[in-house]
Amino acid sequence: MSTPNHPEFWNSRYLKDDTPWDFDGVPADLKEFLQKKGRGAKVLIPGCGSGYEIQAFAEADYEVTAIDFSPFAVDRAKRMVGPDLAKNVLLGDFFQYDFPGEAFDLIYERAFVCSILPDRRQTYRDRLAQLLKYRGLLIGYYYYKKPVLSEGPPYGFAWGTADDLFSRYFLLVKDEPVNDSLPIFAGRERWQERRRTSIQE
């Protein structure tokens, strides 16, 4: 049986157009963040889906890498961004892919962590810490609702559990409610920015 841990699960959702997480554009909080240009900083977008934000980061002078393990999503994102940026969209597993070059300055989260089963969250956090430079930023959107496996994805965070998870490697520096959430996330979504600390295992 296909689960969220397998690309086939997500391919079937895209093929059925069962994608309530698909924003079809660039959210307002990210637009505001990108008003400050990246000046060549390296950004990673894990679980990029349709890839709407890729072009926005590139236009803000970021060096963008996006990855998804759903072939359907990657093909869709490549079409979305066009030939100049298509090479920046990778087909692969975020948890295992061998990203070339130095660590990233920024990682952008949008409906990725809520797509994976909650028992993988520590692995997700550790992978973020591995890929992000010291004092780099983890930014994006986080969904707060006690996860119920039979109802997800998306799987939200029960209140307090995200703080417990991320505090090992990250310092929360911004936390605001989201005003343009999709219906599935409405009233339960936060824009958050976390800075990578020097804490190690």
N, C-alpha and C. Protein backbone atom coordinates (compact mmCIF):
# COMPACT_ATOMS: atom_id res chain seq x y z
N MET A 1 0.84 -1.20 0.00
CA MET A 1 0.00 0.00 0.00
C MET A 1 0.87 1.25 0.00
N SER A 2 0.56 2.21 -0.87
CA SER A 2 1.33 3.44 -0.97
C SER A 2 1.06 4.34 0.23
N THR A 3 2.12 4.94 0.77
CA THR A 3 2.03 5.86 1.91
C THR A 3 2.74 7.16 1.56
N PRO A 4 2.62 8.20 2.40
CA PRO A 4 3.34 9.45 2.12
C PRO A 4 4.85 9.30 2.04
N ASN A 5 5.38 8.16 2.46
CA ASN A 5 6.82 7.92 2.34
C ASN A 5 7.24 7.52 0.93
N HIS A 6 6.30 7.34 0.02
CA HIS A 6 6.60 6.84 -1.32
C HIS A 6 6.15 7.83 -2.40
N PRO A 7 6.94 8.00 -3.45
CA PRO A 7 6.57 8.93 -4.52
C PRO A 7 5.23 8.61 -5.16
N GLU A 8 4.88 7.32 -5.22
CA GLU A 8 3.63 6.93 -5.89
C GLU A 8 2.41 7.56 -5.21
N PHE A 9 2.48 7.71 -3.91
CA PHE A 9 1.37 8.33 -3.17
C PHE A 9 1.10 9.73 -3.70
N TRP A 10 2.19 10.50 -3.88
CA TRP A 10 2.05 11.89 -4.30
C TRP A 10 1.76 11.99 -5.80
N ASN A 11 2.34 11.11 -6.58
CA ASN A 11 2.00 11.09 -8.01
C ASN A 11 0.50 10.92 -8.20
N SER A 12 -0.08 9.99 -7.45
CA SER A 12 -1.52 9.73 -7.61
C SER A 12 -2.34 10.93 -7.18
N ARG A 13 -1.89 11.66 -6.15
CA ARG A 13 -2.62 12.86 -5.71
C ARG A 13 -2.59 13.93 -6.80
N TYR A 14 -1.42 14.13 -7.40
CA TYR A 14 -1.33 15.12 -8.49
C TYR A 14 -2.17 14.70 -9.68
N LEU A 15 -2.13 13.44 -10.03
CA LEU A 15 -2.87 12.97 -11.19
C LEU A 15 -4.38 13.12 -10.99
N LYS A 16 -4.84 12.98 -9.75
CA LYS A 16 -6.26 13.14 -9.45
C LYS A 16 -6.62 14.60 -9.15
N ASP A 17 -5.63 15.49 -9.23
CA ASP A 17 -5.80 16.90 -8.86
C ASP A 17 -6.31 17.04 -7.43
N ASP A 18 -5.86 16.13 -6.57
CA ASP A 18 -6.22 16.14 -5.15
C ASP A 18 -5.07 16.80 -4.39
N THR A 19 -4.95 18.13 -4.55
CA THR A 19 -3.80 18.87 -4.03
C THR A 19 -4.26 20.11 -3.26
N PRO A 20 -4.93 19.94 -2.12
CA PRO A 20 -5.44 21.11 -1.39
C PRO A 20 -4.34 21.97 -0.77
N TRP A 21 -3.09 21.51 -0.82
CA TRP A 21 -1.96 22.30 -0.31
C TRP A 21 -1.38 23.22 -1.39
N ASP A 22 -1.86 23.10 -2.62
CA ASP A 22 -1.26 23.81 -3.75
C ASP A 22 -1.75 25.25 -3.77
N PHE A 23 -0.85 26.19 -3.47
CA PHE A 23 -1.22 27.59 -3.30
C PHE A 23 -1.43 28.32 -4.63
N ASP A 24 -0.82 27.81 -5.67
CA ASP A 24 -0.96 28.42 -7.00
C ASP A 24 -0.45 29.86 -7.02
N GLY A 25 0.71 30.06 -6.41
CA GLY A 25 1.30 31.39 -6.39
C GLY A 25 2.31 31.52 -5.26
N VAL A 26 2.69 32.76 -4.98
CA VAL A 26 3.68 33.05 -3.94
C VAL A 26 2.97 33.71 -2.76
N PRO A 27 3.01 33.13 -1.57
CA PRO A 27 2.30 33.69 -0.41
C PRO A 27 2.86 35.05 0.02
N ALA A 28 2.01 35.81 0.70
CA ALA A 28 2.35 37.20 1.04
C ALA A 28 3.56 37.30 1.97
N ASP A 29 3.66 36.41 2.96
CA ASP A 29 4.79 36.51 3.91
C ASP A 29 6.12 36.30 3.20
N LEU A 30 6.13 35.38 2.23
CA LEU A 30 7.36 35.17 1.48
C LEU A 30 7.68 36.37 0.60
N LYS A 31 6.67 36.95 -0.04
CA LYS A 31 6.89 38.15 -0.84
C LYS A 31 7.53 39.25 0.00
N GLU A 32 7.04 39.41 1.22
CA GLU A 32 7.61 40.42 2.11
C GLU A 32 9.05 40.09 2.46
N PHE A 33 9.32 38.83 2.77
CA PHE A 33 10.69 38.42 3.10
C PHE A 33 11.64 38.69 1.93
N LEU A 34 11.19 38.43 0.71
CA LEU A 34 12.05 38.55 -0.46
C LEU A 34 12.26 39.99 -0.92
N GLN A 35 11.64 40.94 -0.26
CA GLN A 35 11.92 42.34 -0.57
C GLN A 35 13.38 42.68 -0.23
N LYS A 36 13.94 41.93 0.72
CA LYS A 36 15.37 42.04 0.99
C LYS A 36 16.08 41.01 0.12
N LYS A 37 16.89 41.48 -0.79
CA LYS A 37 17.48 40.61 -1.81
C LYS A 37 18.48 39.62 -1.20
N GLY A 38 18.62 38.49 -1.89
CA GLY A 38 19.47 37.43 -1.38
C GLY A 38 20.95 37.59 -1.66
N ARG A 39 21.30 38.43 -2.64
CA ARG A 39 22.71 38.70 -2.97
C ARG A 39 23.51 37.42 -3.19
N GLY A 40 22.90 36.48 -3.92
CA GLY A 40 23.60 35.24 -4.27
C GLY A 40 23.57 34.16 -3.22
N ALA A 41 22.83 34.36 -2.13
CA ALA A 41 22.74 33.34 -1.09
C ALA A 41 22.09 32.08 -1.65
N LYS A 42 22.47 30.94 -1.11
CA LYS A 42 21.97 29.65 -1.57
C LYS A 42 20.74 29.25 -0.77
N VAL A 43 19.64 28.96 -1.48
CA VAL A 43 18.41 28.55 -0.83
C VAL A 43 18.00 27.17 -1.33
N LEU A 44 17.50 26.35 -0.41
CA LEU A 44 16.97 25.03 -0.73
C LEU A 44 15.48 25.01 -0.46
N ILE A 45 14.71 24.45 -1.41
CA ILE A 45 13.27 24.26 -1.23
C ILE A 45 12.99 22.76 -1.25
N PRO A 46 12.87 22.12 -0.08
CA PRO A 46 12.57 20.68 -0.06
C PRO A 46 11.09 20.43 -0.30
N GLY A 47 10.78 19.33 -0.98
CA GLY A 47 9.39 19.03 -1.28
C GLY A 47 8.73 20.16 -2.04
N CYS A 48 9.36 20.58 -3.13
CA CYS A 48 8.98 21.83 -3.80
C CYS A 48 7.63 21.76 -4.51
N GLY A 49 7.11 20.56 -4.75
CA GLY A 49 5.82 20.47 -5.42
C GLY A 49 5.83 21.16 -6.77
N SER A 50 4.83 21.99 -7.01
CA SER A 50 4.71 22.68 -8.31
C SER A 50 5.73 23.79 -8.49
N GLY A 51 6.40 24.18 -7.43
CA GLY A 51 7.55 25.08 -7.56
C GLY A 51 7.23 26.54 -7.83
N TYR A 52 6.10 27.03 -7.33
CA TYR A 52 5.73 28.42 -7.60
C TYR A 52 6.75 29.42 -7.07
N GLU A 53 7.41 29.09 -5.96
CA GLU A 53 8.30 30.04 -5.31
C GLU A 53 9.69 30.09 -5.93
N ILE A 54 10.03 29.14 -6.77
CA ILE A 54 11.38 29.07 -7.32
C ILE A 54 11.74 30.35 -8.08
N GLN A 55 10.86 30.76 -8.96
CA GLN A 55 11.10 31.97 -9.74
C GLN A 55 11.21 33.20 -8.84
N ALA A 56 10.39 33.26 -7.79
CA ALA A 56 10.43 34.40 -6.89
C ALA A 56 11.78 34.51 -6.18
N PHE A 57 12.31 33.38 -5.74
CA PHE A 57 13.64 33.41 -5.11
C PHE A 57 14.71 33.82 -6.12
N ALA A 58 14.64 33.29 -7.32
CA ALA A 58 15.63 33.64 -8.35
C ALA A 58 15.58 35.13 -8.66
N GLU A 59 14.40 35.70 -8.77
CA GLU A 59 14.26 37.13 -9.06
C GLU A 59 14.76 37.99 -7.92
N ALA A 60 14.77 37.43 -6.70
CA ALA A 60 15.30 38.15 -5.54
C ALA A 60 16.79 37.90 -5.35
N ASP A 61 17.44 37.35 -6.37
CA ASP A 61 18.89 37.17 -6.39
C ASP A 61 19.36 36.08 -5.44
N TYR A 62 18.59 35.01 -5.34
CA TYR A 62 19.02 33.82 -4.63
C TYR A 62 19.45 32.76 -5.64
N GLU A 63 20.41 31.95 -5.24
CA GLU A 63 20.79 30.76 -6.01
C GLU A 63 19.91 29.61 -5.50
N VAL A 64 18.95 29.18 -6.31
CA VAL A 64 17.89 28.30 -5.86
C VAL A 64 18.16 26.84 -6.23
N THR A 65 17.94 25.95 -5.27
CA THR A 65 17.87 24.51 -5.51
C THR A 65 16.55 24.02 -4.95
N ALA A 66 15.78 23.30 -5.76
CA ALA A 66 14.52 22.74 -5.32
C ALA A 66 14.55 21.23 -5.56
N ILE A 67 13.89 20.48 -4.68
CA ILE A 67 13.90 19.02 -4.81
C ILE A 67 12.55 18.44 -4.43
N ASP A 68 12.17 17.39 -5.14
CA ASP A 68 10.96 16.63 -4.81
C ASP A 68 11.18 15.20 -5.28
N PHE A 69 10.55 14.24 -4.59
CA PHE A 69 10.75 12.86 -5.04
C PHE A 69 9.58 12.34 -5.88
N SER A 70 8.60 13.19 -6.14
CA SER A 70 7.51 12.84 -7.05
C SER A 70 7.88 13.26 -8.47
N PRO A 71 8.04 12.32 -9.39
CA PRO A 71 8.36 12.69 -10.77
C PRO A 71 7.32 13.63 -11.37
N PHE A 72 6.05 13.42 -11.04
CA PHE A 72 5.01 14.30 -11.57
C PHE A 72 5.21 15.73 -11.09
N ALA A 73 5.51 15.90 -9.80
CA ALA A 73 5.73 17.24 -9.25
C ALA A 73 6.95 17.90 -9.89
N VAL A 74 8.03 17.15 -10.06
CA VAL A 74 9.24 17.72 -10.65
C VAL A 74 9.00 18.16 -12.09
N ASP A 75 8.31 17.33 -12.87
CA ASP A 75 7.99 17.71 -14.24
C ASP A 75 7.14 18.98 -14.27
N ARG A 76 6.20 19.05 -13.36
CA ARG A 76 5.32 20.22 -13.28
C ARG A 76 6.11 21.47 -12.90
N ALA A 77 7.01 21.33 -11.93
CA ALA A 77 7.83 22.47 -11.50
C ALA A 77 8.76 22.93 -12.62
N LYS A 78 9.35 22.00 -13.34
CA LYS A 78 10.23 22.37 -14.44
C LYS A 78 9.47 23.15 -15.51
N ARG A 79 8.26 22.73 -15.81
CA ARG A 79 7.44 23.48 -16.76
C ARG A 79 7.09 24.86 -16.21
N MET A 80 6.85 24.93 -14.92
CA MET A 80 6.47 26.18 -14.28
C MET A 80 7.58 27.22 -14.37
N VAL A 81 8.82 26.79 -14.14
CA VAL A 81 9.93 27.76 -14.06
C VAL A 81 10.57 28.04 -15.41
N GLY A 82 10.37 27.16 -16.39
CA GLY A 82 10.96 27.38 -17.71
C GLY A 82 12.37 26.84 -17.81
N PRO A 83 12.93 26.89 -19.03
CA PRO A 83 14.21 26.21 -19.29
C PRO A 83 15.40 26.77 -18.51
N ASP A 84 15.40 28.05 -18.21
CA ASP A 84 16.56 28.63 -17.54
C ASP A 84 16.73 28.11 -16.11
N LEU A 85 15.63 27.82 -15.43
CA LEU A 85 15.70 27.37 -14.04
C LEU A 85 15.39 25.89 -13.87
N ALA A 86 15.00 25.22 -14.95
CA ALA A 86 14.61 23.81 -14.84
C ALA A 86 15.73 22.94 -14.28
N LYS A 87 16.97 23.29 -14.59
CA LYS A 87 18.11 22.49 -14.10
C LYS A 87 18.25 22.59 -12.59
N ASN A 88 17.62 23.57 -11.97
CA ASN A 88 17.70 23.75 -10.52
C ASN A 88 16.67 22.92 -9.76
N VAL A 89 15.80 22.23 -10.51
CA VAL A 89 14.75 21.40 -9.90
C VAL A 89 15.20 19.94 -9.98
N LEU A 90 15.43 19.33 -8.83
CA LEU A 90 16.01 17.99 -8.76
C LEU A 90 14.95 16.95 -8.42
N LEU A 91 15.07 15.80 -9.05
CA LEU A 91 14.27 14.64 -8.67
C LEU A 91 15.09 13.81 -7.69
N GLY A 92 14.62 13.70 -6.46
CA GLY A 92 15.38 12.94 -5.47
C GLY A 92 14.74 13.02 -4.10
N ASP A 93 15.30 12.26 -3.18
CA ASP A 93 14.82 12.18 -1.80
C ASP A 93 15.60 13.18 -0.95
N PHE A 94 14.92 14.16 -0.42
CA PHE A 94 15.54 15.18 0.42
C PHE A 94 16.38 14.56 1.53
N PHE A 95 15.94 13.44 2.07
CA PHE A 95 16.63 12.84 3.21
C PHE A 95 17.93 12.15 2.82
N GLN A 96 18.12 11.85 1.54
CA GLN A 96 19.28 11.08 1.12
C GLN A 96 20.10 11.74 0.02
N TYR A 97 19.56 12.73 -0.64
CA TYR A 97 20.23 13.31 -1.80
C TYR A 97 21.57 13.94 -1.40
N ASP A 98 22.59 13.72 -2.22
CA ASP A 98 23.92 14.27 -1.97
C ASP A 98 24.03 15.62 -2.67
N PHE A 99 23.66 16.68 -1.95
CA PHE A 99 23.70 18.02 -2.53
C PHE A 99 25.15 18.47 -2.70
N PRO A 100 25.52 18.92 -3.89
CA PRO A 100 26.90 19.35 -4.11
C PRO A 100 27.17 20.71 -3.49
N GLY A 101 28.45 21.01 -3.27
CA GLY A 101 28.84 22.33 -2.82
C GLY A 101 28.67 22.54 -1.33
N GLU A 102 28.74 23.81 -0.93
CA GLU A 102 28.68 24.18 0.47
C GLU A 102 27.25 24.11 1.00
N ALA A 103 27.13 24.22 2.33
CA ALA A 103 25.82 24.21 2.96
C ALA A 103 24.99 25.40 2.51
N PHE A 104 23.71 25.33 2.74
CA PHE A 104 22.78 26.37 2.29
C PHE A 104 22.71 27.51 3.30
N ASP A 105 22.46 28.71 2.78
CA ASP A 105 22.26 29.89 3.63
C ASP A 105 20.82 29.96 4.15
N LEU A 106 19.90 29.35 3.39
CA LEU A 106 18.48 29.47 3.68
C LEU A 106 17.77 28.19 3.25
N ILE A 107 16.83 27.74 4.05
CA ILE A 107 15.94 26.64 3.65
C ILE A 107 14.51 27.13 3.82
N TYR A 108 13.70 26.90 2.80
CA TYR A 108 12.31 27.37 2.78
C TYR A 108 11.35 26.21 2.92
N GLU A 109 10.50 26.29 3.92
CA GLU A 109 9.52 25.25 4.22
C GLU A 109 8.12 25.68 3.79
N ARG A 110 7.51 24.89 2.93
CA ARG A 110 6.13 25.15 2.53
C ARG A 110 5.42 23.82 2.31
N ALA A 111 4.62 23.40 3.29
CA ALA A 111 3.80 22.19 3.19
C ALA A 111 4.62 20.92 2.97
N PHE A 112 5.89 20.93 3.42
CA PHE A 112 6.71 19.72 3.31
C PHE A 112 6.67 18.92 4.60
N VAL A 113 6.99 19.56 5.73
CA VAL A 113 7.03 18.81 6.98
C VAL A 113 5.65 18.25 7.32
N CYS A 114 4.58 18.93 6.93
CA CYS A 114 3.25 18.41 7.23
C CYS A 114 2.84 17.30 6.26
N SER A 115 3.66 17.05 5.26
CA SER A 115 3.37 15.96 4.32
C SER A 115 4.02 14.64 4.73
N ILE A 116 4.97 14.71 5.65
CA ILE A 116 5.66 13.49 6.06
C ILE A 116 5.07 12.99 7.38
N LEU A 117 5.17 11.69 7.59
CA LEU A 117 4.61 11.11 8.80
C LEU A 117 5.32 11.67 10.04
N PRO A 118 4.59 11.96 11.11
CA PRO A 118 5.18 12.59 12.28
C PRO A 118 6.38 11.85 12.87
N ASP A 119 6.45 10.53 12.69
CA ASP A 119 7.59 9.81 13.27
C ASP A 119 8.90 10.09 12.54
N ARG A 120 8.86 10.86 11.44
CA ARG A 120 10.08 11.22 10.72
C ARG A 120 10.54 12.64 11.04
N ARG A 121 9.90 13.31 11.97
CA ARG A 121 10.21 14.72 12.19
C ARG A 121 11.60 14.95 12.77
N GLN A 122 12.06 14.09 13.64
CA GLN A 122 13.42 14.28 14.14
C GLN A 122 14.43 14.10 13.02
N THR A 123 14.19 13.15 12.15
CA THR A 123 15.07 12.95 11.00
C THR A 123 15.05 14.18 10.10
N TYR A 124 13.87 14.75 9.90
CA TYR A 124 13.72 15.99 9.12
C TYR A 124 14.52 17.12 9.75
N ARG A 125 14.36 17.31 11.06
CA ARG A 125 15.09 18.38 11.76
C ARG A 125 16.60 18.19 11.66
N ASP A 126 17.06 16.97 11.86
CA ASP A 126 18.49 16.70 11.81
C ASP A 126 19.05 16.94 10.40
N ARG A 127 18.26 16.60 9.40
CA ARG A 127 18.69 16.82 8.01
C ARG A 127 18.77 18.32 7.71
N LEU A 128 17.81 19.09 8.20
CA LEU A 128 17.86 20.55 8.03
C LEU A 128 19.13 21.10 8.67
N ALA A 129 19.41 20.67 9.88
CA ALA A 129 20.59 21.16 10.60
C ALA A 129 21.87 20.79 9.86
N GLN A 130 21.88 19.64 9.24
CA GLN A 130 23.05 19.19 8.49
C GLN A 130 23.27 20.05 7.24
N LEU A 131 22.19 20.46 6.60
CA LEU A 131 22.30 21.16 5.32
C LEU A 131 22.42 22.68 5.43
N LEU A 132 22.08 23.21 6.60
CA LEU A 132 22.04 24.67 6.77
C LEU A 132 23.30 25.18 7.46
N LYS A 133 23.84 26.27 6.95
CA LYS A 133 25.02 26.87 7.56
C LYS A 133 24.72 27.37 8.97
N TYR A 134 25.77 27.47 9.78
CA TYR A 134 25.65 28.13 11.07
C TYR A 134 25.16 29.56 10.86
N ARG A 135 24.14 29.93 11.58
CA ARG A 135 23.45 31.22 11.50
C ARG A 135 22.61 31.36 10.22
N GLY A 136 22.48 30.29 9.44
CA GLY A 136 21.56 30.30 8.32
C GLY A 136 20.12 30.28 8.82
N LEU A 137 19.18 30.58 7.93
CA LEU A 137 17.78 30.70 8.30
C LEU A 137 16.93 29.57 7.73
N LEU A 138 16.06 29.06 8.58
CA LEU A 138 14.98 28.17 8.18
C LEU A 138 13.72 29.01 8.24
N ILE A 139 13.09 29.24 7.08
CA ILE A 139 11.91 30.10 7.05
C ILE A 139 10.74 29.34 6.43
N GLY A 140 9.53 29.80 6.73
CA GLY A 140 8.40 29.22 6.03
C GLY A 140 7.16 29.08 6.88
N TYR A 141 6.32 28.13 6.47
CA TYR A 141 4.97 27.99 6.98
C TYR A 141 4.81 26.69 7.76
N TYR A 142 4.18 26.81 8.94
CA TYR A 142 4.00 25.66 9.82
C TYR A 142 2.54 25.57 10.25
N TYR A 143 2.03 24.36 10.19
CA TYR A 143 0.62 24.07 10.39
C TYR A 143 0.44 23.50 11.79
N TYR A 144 -0.44 24.14 12.59
CA TYR A 144 -0.62 23.74 13.98
C TYR A 144 -2.00 23.12 14.19
N LYS A 145 -1.98 21.81 14.28
CA LYS A 145 -3.16 21.02 14.60
C LYS A 145 -2.67 19.65 15.04
N LYS A 146 -3.22 19.13 16.12
CA LYS A 146 -2.77 17.81 16.60
C LYS A 146 -2.91 16.79 15.48
N PRO A 147 -1.82 16.11 15.12
CA PRO A 147 -1.88 15.19 13.99
C PRO A 147 -2.72 13.95 14.28
N VAL A 148 -3.52 13.58 13.31
CA VAL A 148 -4.30 12.35 13.36
C VAL A 148 -3.93 11.54 12.13
N LEU A 149 -3.26 10.43 12.33
CA LEU A 149 -2.70 9.68 11.21
C LEU A 149 -3.77 9.28 10.20
N SER A 150 -4.95 8.94 10.68
CA SER A 150 -6.00 8.47 9.77
C SER A 150 -6.58 9.60 8.92
N GLU A 151 -6.32 10.85 9.30
CA GLU A 151 -6.87 11.99 8.58
C GLU A 151 -5.86 12.67 7.66
N GLY A 152 -4.59 12.42 7.85
CA GLY A 152 -3.57 13.13 7.09
C GLY A 152 -3.10 12.36 5.89
N PRO A 153 -2.17 12.99 5.15
CA PRO A 153 -1.67 14.34 5.34
C PRO A 153 -2.68 15.40 4.89
N PRO A 154 -2.51 16.65 5.37
CA PRO A 154 -1.37 17.15 6.14
C PRO A 154 -1.44 16.77 7.62
N TYR A 155 -0.25 16.65 8.22
CA TYR A 155 -0.10 16.35 9.63
C TYR A 155 0.41 17.61 10.33
N GLY A 156 -0.40 18.19 11.20
CA GLY A 156 0.02 19.40 11.89
C GLY A 156 0.90 19.10 13.10
N PHE A 157 1.32 20.18 13.74
CA PHE A 157 2.04 20.11 15.01
C PHE A 157 1.06 20.41 16.14
N ALA A 158 1.02 19.57 17.16
CA ALA A 158 0.34 19.95 18.38
C ALA A 158 1.11 21.11 19.00
N TRP A 159 0.39 22.02 19.67
CA TRP A 159 1.05 23.19 20.25
C TRP A 159 2.19 22.77 21.16
N GLY A 160 3.33 23.42 20.99
CA GLY A 160 4.51 23.15 21.81
C GLY A 160 5.45 22.13 21.24
N THR A 161 4.97 21.24 20.38
CA THR A 161 5.83 20.17 19.89
C THR A 161 6.85 20.68 18.88
N ALA A 162 6.50 21.70 18.10
CA ALA A 162 7.47 22.26 17.15
C ALA A 162 8.62 22.93 17.91
N ASP A 163 8.30 23.66 18.99
CA ASP A 163 9.35 24.29 19.79
C ASP A 163 10.29 23.23 20.36
N ASP A 164 9.71 22.15 20.88
CA ASP A 164 10.53 21.08 21.43
C ASP A 164 11.41 20.45 20.35
N LEU A 165 10.86 20.28 19.17
CA LEU A 165 11.60 19.65 18.08
C LEU A 165 12.77 20.50 17.62
N PHE A 166 12.51 21.75 17.32
CA PHE A 166 13.51 22.58 16.65
C PHE A 166 14.54 23.19 17.59
N SER A 167 14.22 23.30 18.88
CA SER A 167 15.11 24.02 19.80
C SER A 167 16.49 23.40 19.91
N ARG A 168 16.65 22.17 19.51
CA ARG A 168 17.96 21.52 19.60
C ARG A 168 18.98 22.23 18.72
N TYR A 169 18.55 22.72 17.54
CA TYR A 169 19.49 23.32 16.59
C TYR A 169 19.10 24.71 16.12
N PHE A 170 17.90 25.17 16.51
CA PHE A 170 17.38 26.41 15.93
C PHE A 170 16.82 27.33 17.00
N LEU A 171 16.97 28.63 16.75
CA LEU A 171 16.40 29.67 17.60
C LEU A 171 15.28 30.36 16.85
N LEU A 172 14.07 30.36 17.40
CA LEU A 172 12.93 31.02 16.76
C LEU A 172 13.10 32.53 16.86
N VAL A 173 13.11 33.21 15.71
CA VAL A 173 13.33 34.66 15.70
C VAL A 173 12.12 35.43 15.17
N LYS A 174 11.16 34.73 14.57
CA LYS A 174 9.94 35.40 14.10
C LYS A 174 8.81 34.38 14.06
N ASP A 175 7.63 34.80 14.50
CA ASP A 175 6.47 33.90 14.55
C ASP A 175 5.22 34.75 14.42
N GLU A 176 4.53 34.63 13.28
CA GLU A 176 3.37 35.46 13.03
C GLU A 176 2.25 34.64 12.40
N PRO A 177 0.99 35.01 12.65
CA PRO A 177 -0.11 34.32 11.98
C PRO A 177 -0.11 34.61 10.48
N VAL A 178 -0.64 33.68 9.71
CA VAL A 178 -0.71 33.81 8.26
C VAL A 178 -2.11 34.27 7.88
N ASN A 179 -2.17 35.26 7.01
CA ASN A 179 -3.46 35.85 6.65
C ASN A 179 -3.99 35.40 5.30
N ASP A 180 -3.19 34.66 4.53
CA ASP A 180 -3.66 34.22 3.21
C ASP A 180 -3.56 32.70 3.06
N SER A 181 -3.84 32.00 4.15
CA SER A 181 -3.76 30.53 4.13
C SER A 181 -4.79 29.93 3.18
N LEU A 182 -4.45 28.78 2.64
CA LEU A 182 -5.42 27.97 1.93
C LEU A 182 -6.47 27.44 2.92
N PRO A 183 -7.66 27.09 2.45
CA PRO A 183 -8.71 26.61 3.38
C PRO A 183 -8.27 25.48 4.30
N ILE A 184 -7.47 24.56 3.79
CA ILE A 184 -7.07 23.41 4.60
C ILE A 184 -6.19 23.81 5.79
N PHE A 185 -5.52 24.98 5.70
CA PHE A 185 -4.63 25.44 6.77
C PHE A 185 -5.19 26.65 7.52
N ALA A 186 -6.32 27.17 7.11
CA ALA A 186 -6.81 28.46 7.60
C ALA A 186 -6.95 28.49 9.12
N GLY A 187 -6.42 29.56 9.72
CA GLY A 187 -6.51 29.76 11.16
C GLY A 187 -5.52 28.96 11.98
N ARG A 188 -4.74 28.11 11.31
CA ARG A 188 -3.82 27.22 12.03
C ARG A 188 -2.39 27.28 11.48
N GLU A 189 -2.11 28.30 10.70
CA GLU A 189 -0.81 28.37 10.03
C GLU A 189 -0.03 29.56 10.54
N ARG A 190 1.29 29.36 10.71
CA ARG A 190 2.18 30.42 11.19
C ARG A 190 3.35 30.58 10.22
N TRP A 191 3.73 31.85 10.01
CA TRP A 191 4.99 32.14 9.32
C TRP A 191 6.06 32.21 10.39
N GLN A 192 7.11 31.41 10.24
CA GLN A 192 8.16 31.36 11.25
C GLN A 192 9.54 31.42 10.61
N GLU A 193 10.45 32.06 11.33
CA GLU A 193 11.84 32.12 10.92
C GLU A 193 12.70 31.64 12.08
N ARG A 194 13.60 30.71 11.78
CA ARG A 194 14.47 30.14 12.80
C ARG A 194 15.92 30.22 12.33
N ARG A 195 16.79 30.59 13.25
CA ARG A 195 18.20 30.71 12.92
C ARG A 195 18.96 29.50 13.45
N ARG A 196 19.83 28.97 12.59
CA ARG A 196 20.65 27.80 12.96
C ARG A 196 21.67 28.21 14.01
N THR A 197 21.70 27.48 15.12
CA THR A 197 22.64 27.76 16.19
C THR A 197 23.85 26.82 16.07
N SER A 198 24.79 27.00 16.97
CA SER A 198 26.00 26.18 16.94
C SER A 198 25.87 24.92 17.79
N ILE A 199 24.69 24.71 18.37
CA ILE A 199 24.51 23.53 19.22
C ILE A 199 24.68 22.26 18.39
N GLN A 200 25.43 21.33 18.90
CA GLN A 200 25.67 20.07 18.22
C GLN A 200 25.28 18.92 19.13
N GLU A 201 25.18 17.73 18.55
CA GLU A 201 24.85 16.54 19.35
C GLU A 201 25.98 16.24 20.31
